[in-house]
Protein backbone atom coordinates (compact mmCIF):
# COMPACT_ATOMS: atom_id res chain seq x y z
CA MET A 1 100.01 73.41 118.22
CA ASN A 2 99.64 72.25 121.78
CA ASN A 3 96.12 71.21 122.69
CA MET A 4 96.45 69.92 126.25
CA GLU A 5 93.13 68.71 127.60
CA GLN A 6 92.04 67.35 130.92
CA THR A 7 89.54 64.54 131.13
CA LEU A 8 87.97 62.59 133.95
CA SER A 9 88.71 58.91 134.30
CA ILE A 10 87.08 56.54 136.75
CA ILE A 11 88.43 53.12 137.56
CA LYS A 12 85.15 51.37 138.30
CA PRO A 13 84.28 49.00 141.18
CA ASP A 14 84.90 45.80 139.19
CA ALA A 15 88.49 46.82 138.45
CA VAL A 16 89.20 48.12 141.96
CA GLU A 17 87.80 44.88 143.38
CA ARG A 18 90.32 42.97 141.24
CA HIS A 19 93.18 45.24 142.42
CA LEU A 20 93.81 46.61 138.92
CA GLU A 21 94.19 50.31 139.85
CA ASN A 22 97.96 50.47 139.50
CA GLU A 23 97.99 48.38 136.34
CA ILE A 24 95.38 50.64 134.72
CA LYS A 25 97.19 53.80 135.89
CA ASP A 26 100.35 52.43 134.27
CA VAL A 27 98.46 51.96 130.98
CA PHE A 28 97.53 55.66 131.06
CA LYS A 29 101.06 56.76 131.96
CA ASN A 30 102.60 54.55 129.27
CA LYS A 31 100.31 56.22 126.72
CA GLY A 32 101.56 59.66 127.70
CA PHE A 33 98.82 60.75 130.10
CA SER A 34 99.71 62.68 133.24
CA ILE A 35 97.59 61.92 136.30
CA ILE A 36 97.02 65.42 137.69
CA LYS A 37 94.77 64.46 140.61
CA GLU A 38 93.43 61.21 141.96
CA LYS A 39 91.50 59.87 144.90
CA LYS A 40 89.83 56.67 145.96
CA ILE A 41 86.26 57.14 147.13
CA GLN A 42 83.04 55.28 147.73
CA LEU A 43 79.98 56.99 146.26
CA GLU A 44 76.55 56.99 147.81
CA LYS A 45 73.77 55.96 145.43
CA GLU A 46 72.47 59.58 145.43
CA GLU A 47 75.88 60.84 144.30
CA ALA A 48 76.02 58.28 141.51
CA GLU A 49 72.55 59.41 140.44
CA LYS A 50 73.76 63.01 140.23
CA PHE A 51 76.88 62.00 138.33
CA TYR A 52 74.94 59.97 135.75
CA LYS A 53 72.05 62.46 135.52
CA VAL A 54 72.54 62.69 131.73
CA HIS A 55 71.41 59.05 131.49
CA GLU A 56 68.36 59.53 133.73
CA THR A 57 65.83 58.57 131.06
CA LYS A 58 67.67 55.48 129.86
CA PRO A 59 66.56 51.99 130.93
CA PHE A 60 69.99 51.13 132.37
CA TYR A 61 70.16 54.26 134.59
CA ASN A 62 69.24 52.61 137.89
CA ASP A 63 71.62 49.67 137.39
CA LEU A 64 74.39 52.05 136.42
CA CYS A 65 73.94 54.06 139.61
CA ASN A 66 73.71 50.95 141.77
CA TYR A 67 76.88 49.63 140.18
CA LEU A 68 78.98 52.82 140.45
CA SER A 69 78.09 53.05 144.15
CA SER A 70 78.63 49.32 144.81
CA GLY A 71 82.28 49.61 145.86
CA PRO A 72 85.30 51.89 145.96
CA ILE A 73 86.27 53.71 142.77
CA VAL A 74 89.35 55.67 141.79
CA VAL A 75 88.65 59.04 140.16
CA MET A 76 91.44 60.75 138.27
CA VAL A 77 92.05 63.86 136.25
CA LEU A 78 94.14 62.87 133.25
CA GLU A 79 95.96 65.34 131.03
CA LYS A 80 97.35 64.88 127.55
CA GLU A 81 97.24 66.49 124.14
CA ASN A 82 93.68 65.93 122.86
CA GLY A 83 93.13 64.08 126.14
CA VAL A 84 89.37 63.49 125.82
CA ILE A 85 89.56 61.64 122.50
CA ALA A 86 92.85 59.96 123.39
CA ASN A 87 91.29 58.58 126.57
CA ARG A 88 88.19 57.33 124.75
CA GLU A 89 90.35 55.57 122.17
CA LEU A 90 92.45 53.99 124.91
CA MET A 91 89.36 52.83 126.84
CA GLY A 92 87.79 51.15 123.83
CA ALA A 93 84.14 50.40 123.07
CA THR A 94 81.60 50.36 125.92
CA ASN A 95 81.11 46.63 125.36
CA PRO A 96 84.47 44.90 125.98
CA ALA A 97 83.51 42.27 123.38
CA ASP A 98 83.49 45.01 120.71
CA ALA A 99 86.57 46.82 122.00
CA ASP A 100 89.78 46.79 119.96
CA GLU A 101 92.81 44.78 121.06
CA GLY A 102 95.09 46.78 123.33
CA THR A 103 92.28 48.88 124.83
CA ILE A 104 91.61 48.94 128.56
CA ARG A 105 88.10 47.53 128.24
CA LYS A 106 89.25 44.71 125.96
CA LYS A 107 91.91 43.73 128.47
CA TYR A 108 90.07 44.25 131.77
CA GLY A 109 86.36 44.68 131.08
CA ILE A 110 84.03 41.89 132.17
CA SER A 111 80.78 42.99 130.53
CA ILE A 112 79.05 46.01 129.04
CA ASP A 113 78.18 47.08 132.60
CA LYS A 114 81.39 46.06 134.31
CA ASN A 115 83.70 47.59 131.75
CA SER A 116 86.33 48.74 134.27
CA VAL A 117 86.68 52.41 133.28
CA HIS A 118 84.70 55.57 132.59
CA GLY A 119 85.96 58.55 130.62
CA SER A 120 84.42 61.89 129.74
CA ASP A 121 82.86 61.99 126.27
CA SER A 122 83.54 65.65 125.48
CA VAL A 123 85.63 68.59 126.64
CA GLU A 124 82.48 70.21 128.09
CA ASN A 125 81.51 67.10 130.03
CA ALA A 126 85.10 66.62 131.19
CA ARG A 127 84.92 70.03 132.87
CA ILE A 128 81.59 69.18 134.51
CA GLU A 129 82.74 65.72 135.64
CA ILE A 130 86.07 66.99 137.00
CA ASP A 131 84.21 69.65 139.01
CA PHE A 132 81.83 66.99 140.30
CA PHE A 133 84.67 65.10 142.00
CA PHE A 134 87.34 67.76 142.50
CA LYS A 135 85.61 70.94 143.63
CA ASP A 136 88.45 72.82 145.29
């Protein structure tokens, strides 16, 4: 049974700043993901606030929004069988220190905040997040 799913991936400012976009894209491609759409953008703080609205009540919300809008990011639509879970497994734990060997955050993440990548956490949120960046 073919269960192709699209998910949103963001290469965050810390990774873009270190010129890791192509390296990280290669990790996805080598793991069987197709990059359907991609663009490099710089978010305004207000846009980051809208994107992270689900975290509005959390203590880290403001820092998260400041960080995501602090420099260019690369947003991508990835596609693969069971893409949402596959992407989360490939990214690794939010805190790079806890992430498994071979995951993107273990390899490139600097800290729990600067963990290099974002990925949708569910099929429903993937749809919402993809629409946020790629409204045709």
